[in-house]
Structures are given as structure tokens and as C-alpha cells.
N, C-alpha and C. Protein backbone atom coordinates (compact mmCIF):
# COMPACT_ATOMS: atom_id res chain seq x y z
N MET A 1 -50.16 15.42 114.33
CA MET A 1 -50.92 16.24 115.41
C MET A 1 -50.35 15.78 116.72
N PRO A 2 -49.68 16.73 117.57
CA PRO A 2 -49.28 16.30 118.84
C PRO A 2 -50.41 15.97 119.92
N ARG A 3 -50.11 15.07 120.73
CA ARG A 3 -51.09 14.61 121.79
C ARG A 3 -51.36 15.80 122.80
N PRO A 4 -52.52 15.97 123.28
CA PRO A 4 -52.73 16.99 124.26
C PRO A 4 -51.89 16.72 125.63
N THR A 5 -51.32 17.81 126.15
CA THR A 5 -50.81 17.58 127.44
C THR A 5 -51.92 17.59 128.73
N ALA A 6 -51.38 17.32 129.88
CA ALA A 6 -52.28 17.12 130.98
C ALA A 6 -52.82 18.53 131.36
N ALA A 7 -52.16 19.50 131.02
CA ALA A 7 -52.55 20.94 131.44
C ALA A 7 -53.70 21.34 130.44
N GLN A 8 -53.67 21.00 129.04
CA GLN A 8 -54.61 21.05 128.14
C GLN A 8 -55.93 20.42 128.48
N LEU A 9 -55.74 19.09 128.74
CA LEU A 9 -57.04 18.46 129.28
C LEU A 9 -57.56 18.87 130.49
N ALA A 10 -56.77 19.34 131.56
CA ALA A 10 -57.51 19.93 132.66
C ALA A 10 -58.10 21.27 132.55
N TYR A 11 -57.54 22.09 131.82
CA TYR A 11 -58.02 23.50 131.50
C TYR A 11 -59.29 23.19 130.64
N GLY A 12 -59.10 22.43 129.61
CA GLY A 12 -60.50 22.18 128.74
C GLY A 12 -61.61 21.69 129.48
N SER A 13 -61.35 20.65 130.35
CA SER A 13 -62.46 20.08 130.99
C SER A 13 -63.12 20.92 132.01
N CYS A 14 -62.29 21.69 132.80
CA CYS A 14 -62.84 22.71 133.85
C CYS A 14 -63.55 23.63 133.16
N THR A 15 -63.12 24.11 132.03
CA THR A 15 -63.94 25.11 131.30
C THR A 15 -65.27 24.75 130.91
N VAL A 16 -65.21 23.39 130.35
CA VAL A 16 -66.52 22.83 129.87
C VAL A 16 -67.51 22.70 130.96
N ILE A 17 -67.11 22.13 132.11
CA ILE A 17 -67.97 21.90 133.24
C ILE A 17 -68.43 23.22 133.93
N LEU A 18 -67.42 24.21 134.09
CA LEU A 18 -67.90 25.35 134.78
C LEU A 18 -68.70 26.23 133.94
N SER A 19 -68.33 26.25 132.64
CA SER A 19 -69.09 27.21 131.77
C SER A 19 -70.68 26.60 131.51
N THR A 20 -70.61 25.42 131.50
CA THR A 20 -72.05 24.61 131.18
C THR A 20 -72.96 25.01 132.52
N LEU A 21 -72.27 24.76 133.55
CA LEU A 21 -73.11 25.12 134.97
C LEU A 21 -73.46 26.60 134.97
N ALA A 22 -72.60 27.35 134.72
CA ALA A 22 -72.75 28.85 134.64
C ALA A 22 -73.93 29.35 133.78
N MET A 23 -73.66 28.77 132.53
CA MET A 23 -74.92 29.15 131.52
C MET A 23 -76.18 28.63 131.79
N LEU A 24 -76.17 27.31 132.38
CA LEU A 24 -77.45 26.80 132.74
C LEU A 24 -78.18 27.39 133.80
N LEU A 25 -77.28 27.82 134.74
CA LEU A 25 -77.98 28.72 135.99
C LEU A 25 -78.33 29.99 135.63
N LEU A 26 -77.55 30.62 134.63
CA LEU A 26 -77.99 32.17 134.43
C LEU A 26 -78.98 32.21 133.35
N SER A 27 -79.17 31.14 132.56
CA SER A 27 -80.30 31.21 131.44
C SER A 27 -81.57 30.60 132.02
N GLN A 28 -81.45 29.77 132.99
CA GLN A 28 -82.64 29.17 133.69
C GLN A 28 -83.40 28.61 132.47
N THR A 29 -82.89 27.87 131.58
CA THR A 29 -83.58 27.20 130.44
C THR A 29 -84.05 25.93 130.84
N SER A 30 -85.08 25.42 130.46
CA SER A 30 -85.68 24.16 130.70
C SER A 30 -85.99 23.34 129.48
N SER A 31 -85.83 24.01 128.40
CA SER A 31 -86.15 23.19 127.07
C SER A 31 -84.92 22.42 126.65
N GLY A 32 -85.16 21.41 125.88
CA GLY A 32 -84.33 20.53 125.48
C GLY A 32 -83.31 21.33 124.33
N LEU A 33 -83.89 21.98 123.62
CA LEU A 33 -82.94 22.79 122.57
C LEU A 33 -82.04 23.66 123.19
N GLY A 34 -82.55 24.44 124.26
CA GLY A 34 -81.71 25.27 124.95
C GLY A 34 -80.58 24.66 125.62
N ILE A 35 -80.86 23.54 126.22
CA ILE A 35 -79.71 22.69 126.96
C ILE A 35 -78.69 22.19 125.97
N VAL A 36 -79.15 21.79 124.97
CA VAL A 36 -78.31 21.25 123.77
C VAL A 36 -77.33 22.50 123.29
N ALA A 37 -77.94 23.68 123.05
CA ALA A 37 -77.20 24.72 122.70
C ALA A 37 -76.15 25.08 123.68
N ILE A 38 -76.56 25.19 124.94
CA ILE A 38 -75.56 25.62 125.97
C ILE A 38 -74.54 24.58 125.99
N THR A 39 -74.77 23.32 125.84
CA THR A 39 -73.72 22.29 126.07
C THR A 39 -72.82 22.25 124.81
N LEU A 40 -73.21 22.55 123.69
CA LEU A 40 -72.48 22.66 122.62
C LEU A 40 -71.53 23.93 122.50
N SER A 41 -72.12 24.95 123.10
CA SER A 41 -71.26 26.19 123.17
C SER A 41 -70.29 26.06 124.37
N ALA A 42 -70.53 25.34 125.33
CA ALA A 42 -69.48 25.09 126.35
C ALA A 42 -68.28 24.08 125.98
N LEU A 43 -68.76 23.14 124.89
CA LEU A 43 -67.78 22.21 124.44
C LEU A 43 -66.77 23.00 123.40
N VAL A 44 -67.33 24.04 122.71
CA VAL A 44 -66.59 24.84 121.81
C VAL A 44 -65.61 25.60 122.63
N LEU A 45 -66.14 26.22 123.75
CA LEU A 45 -65.39 27.15 124.51
C LEU A 45 -64.27 26.28 125.10
N GLY A 46 -64.49 25.17 125.77
CA GLY A 46 -63.58 24.19 126.28
C GLY A 46 -62.43 23.84 125.31
N LEU A 47 -62.87 23.64 124.00
CA LEU A 47 -61.79 23.30 123.00
C LEU A 47 -61.00 24.44 122.63
N LEU A 48 -61.56 25.70 122.69
CA LEU A 48 -60.77 26.85 122.42
C LEU A 48 -59.76 27.03 123.42
N VAL A 49 -60.16 26.90 124.73
CA VAL A 49 -59.23 27.15 125.93
C VAL A 49 -58.14 26.09 125.90
N ALA A 50 -58.45 24.81 125.65
CA ALA A 50 -57.43 23.77 125.56
C ALA A 50 -56.41 23.93 124.53
N MET A 51 -56.78 24.43 123.29
CA MET A 51 -55.91 24.72 122.32
C MET A 51 -55.00 26.00 122.42
N THR A 52 -55.50 26.93 123.18
CA THR A 52 -54.70 28.04 123.44
C THR A 52 -53.68 28.19 124.60
N VAL A 53 -53.81 26.86 125.46
CA VAL A 53 -52.75 26.77 126.49
C VAL A 53 -51.39 26.56 125.83
N PRO A 54 -50.35 27.33 126.14
CA PRO A 54 -49.03 27.06 125.41
C PRO A 54 -48.51 25.78 125.75
N LEU A 55 -47.90 25.27 124.58
CA LEU A 55 -47.19 23.94 124.57
C LEU A 55 -45.82 24.11 125.10
N PRO A 56 -45.42 23.12 125.75
CA PRO A 56 -43.93 23.19 126.25
C PRO A 56 -43.06 23.38 124.99
N LYS A 57 -42.09 24.09 125.25
CA LYS A 57 -41.10 24.25 124.05
C LYS A 57 -39.90 23.31 124.12
N PRO A 58 -39.32 22.67 123.03
CA PRO A 58 -38.36 21.79 123.19
C PRO A 58 -37.01 22.48 123.64
N ALA A 59 -36.18 21.90 124.24
CA ALA A 59 -35.03 22.43 124.82
C ALA A 59 -34.12 22.78 123.63
N ARG A 60 -33.50 24.07 123.69
CA ARG A 60 -32.74 24.53 122.61
C ARG A 60 -31.19 24.26 122.96
N THR A 61 -30.53 23.68 122.14
CA THR A 61 -29.11 23.63 122.29
C THR A 61 -28.27 24.68 121.51
N ALA A 62 -27.31 25.14 122.13
CA ALA A 62 -26.55 26.23 121.47
C ALA A 62 -25.54 25.53 120.52
N LYS A 63 -25.53 26.09 119.46
CA LYS A 63 -24.47 25.63 118.44
C LYS A 63 -22.92 26.11 118.57
N VAL A 64 -22.13 25.42 119.31
CA VAL A 64 -20.89 25.92 119.66
C VAL A 64 -20.02 25.02 118.84
N PRO A 65 -19.06 25.69 118.03
CA PRO A 65 -18.03 24.79 117.33
C PRO A 65 -17.15 24.12 118.22
N ALA A 66 -16.83 22.82 117.80
CA ALA A 66 -15.98 21.87 118.74
C ALA A 66 -14.59 22.46 118.97
N ILE A 67 -13.91 23.12 117.87
CA ILE A 67 -12.71 23.76 118.11
C ILE A 67 -12.86 25.22 117.71
N PRO A 68 -12.59 26.19 118.81
CA PRO A 68 -12.88 27.52 118.48
C PRO A 68 -11.67 27.94 117.32
N VAL A 69 -12.14 28.76 116.41
CA VAL A 69 -11.33 29.19 115.46
C VAL A 69 -10.99 30.68 115.73
N LEU A 70 -9.85 31.20 115.73
CA LEU A 70 -9.43 32.56 116.00
C LEU A 70 -9.30 33.15 114.63
N GLU A 71 -10.26 33.92 114.17
CA GLU A 71 -10.26 34.71 112.85
C GLU A 71 -9.66 33.84 111.64
N GLY A 72 -9.85 32.63 111.76
CA GLY A 72 -9.44 31.70 110.72
C GLY A 72 -7.99 31.66 110.41
N ARG A 73 -7.08 32.06 111.35
CA ARG A 73 -5.63 31.95 111.19
C ARG A 73 -5.18 31.31 112.29
N VAL A 74 -3.96 30.65 112.05
CA VAL A 74 -2.97 30.03 112.92
C VAL A 74 -1.85 30.73 113.19
N PRO A 75 -1.34 30.95 114.42
CA PRO A 75 -0.18 31.88 114.69
C PRO A 75 1.10 31.20 113.89
N ALA A 76 1.95 31.92 113.29
CA ALA A 76 3.05 31.55 112.63
C ALA A 76 4.06 30.78 113.52
N GLN A 77 4.11 31.12 114.74
CA GLN A 77 5.22 30.48 115.81
C GLN A 77 4.33 30.29 117.09
N ARG A 78 4.44 29.10 117.59
CA ARG A 78 3.76 28.78 118.85
C ARG A 78 4.81 28.78 120.01
N GLU A 79 4.50 29.30 121.10
CA GLU A 79 5.37 29.06 122.25
C GLU A 79 5.16 27.88 122.85
N THR A 80 6.18 27.24 123.33
CA THR A 80 5.99 25.99 124.19
C THR A 80 6.21 26.42 125.67
N VAL A 81 5.76 25.33 126.37
CA VAL A 81 5.82 25.71 127.84
C VAL A 81 7.18 26.13 128.41
N SER A 82 8.28 25.49 127.91
CA SER A 82 9.67 25.83 128.39
C SER A 82 10.03 27.23 127.94
N VAL A 83 9.62 27.63 126.70
CA VAL A 83 9.95 29.02 126.28
C VAL A 83 9.23 29.95 127.03
N ALA A 84 7.98 29.71 127.30
CA ALA A 84 7.21 30.61 128.25
C ALA A 84 7.74 30.71 129.60
N ALA A 85 8.22 29.64 130.25
CA ALA A 85 8.72 29.46 131.50
C ALA A 85 10.05 30.32 131.54
N SER A 86 10.82 30.11 130.55
CA SER A 86 12.26 30.65 130.59
C SER A 86 12.11 32.32 130.21
N ALA A 87 11.07 32.70 129.86
CA ALA A 87 10.80 34.14 129.53
C ALA A 87 10.56 34.85 130.87
N THR A 88 10.09 34.18 131.99
CA THR A 88 9.76 35.01 133.21
C THR A 88 11.01 35.18 133.89
N SER A 89 10.89 36.27 134.82
CA SER A 89 12.15 36.53 135.47
C SER A 89 12.19 35.89 136.81
N GLU A 90 11.19 35.19 137.19
CA GLU A 90 11.29 34.50 138.49
C GLU A 90 11.82 32.97 138.18
N PRO A 91 12.61 32.49 139.17
CA PRO A 91 12.89 31.10 138.90
C PRO A 91 11.70 30.19 139.36
N VAL A 92 11.75 28.95 138.81
CA VAL A 92 10.72 27.98 139.14
C VAL A 92 11.11 27.42 140.41
N ARG A 93 10.15 27.43 141.41
CA ARG A 93 10.30 26.82 142.70
C ARG A 93 9.99 25.31 142.66
N GLU A 94 10.82 24.44 143.26
CA GLU A 94 10.36 23.16 143.30
C GLU A 94 10.30 22.70 144.76
N PRO A 95 9.43 21.71 145.03
CA PRO A 95 9.08 21.22 146.43
C PRO A 95 10.40 20.69 146.97
N ALA A 96 10.55 20.91 148.25
CA ALA A 96 11.78 20.53 148.94
C ALA A 96 11.42 19.02 149.26
N ASN A 97 12.54 18.12 149.30
CA ASN A 97 12.52 16.77 149.56
C ASN A 97 12.82 16.50 150.98
N PRO A 98 11.96 16.02 151.84
CA PRO A 98 12.32 15.70 153.25
C PRO A 98 13.34 14.71 153.52
């Protein structure tokens, strides 16, 4: 069972305190049994609120293959840099030496 996060503790605690105060003020009960019932119902409500706070999701990593495969085939003949450079119509410019 995972440990509760800070948000779950904060939401649950605030719910218990505020709902207890609200129910005690609205019901105006003075009997011990009424106070116990209100307190228990506030605790249950706080537990429900704390458990329904969304948990942070773990980071998802994309599954990318290390070497991309092109349709499962390797070309029959590969061009080298010199072949590709000689196929162009422009001559290769070299920097001038001062």
C-alpha cells in the first residue's frame, strides 16, 4: 500500500476539521452520543476525500527502438559519400588558403 501524499493528508485533515465544525454548529447537539456520531462521520468523510485525491502518475517512457528498421529490409547497394558527391553537378568548393 503506497504512503499518502502531502496533498492527501492536507485535504483529509481540512475535511475532517471543517466538516466537524460545520455539523456541530448546524446540529447544535450537546449530547455525548451526538458529538461522537458527528466526529465519526467527519472522520469517514475525511478518509473518503483523502483516498479520492488523484495520485501522481509515474513518468512514462516511450519505447523507441535503438536502431530504426526500415520495413525490415537493408538496401542492396549503399551509396558512399564520394559517390553521392560525384553525382552532383556542382563542383565542391574548398576554402582558399591565405
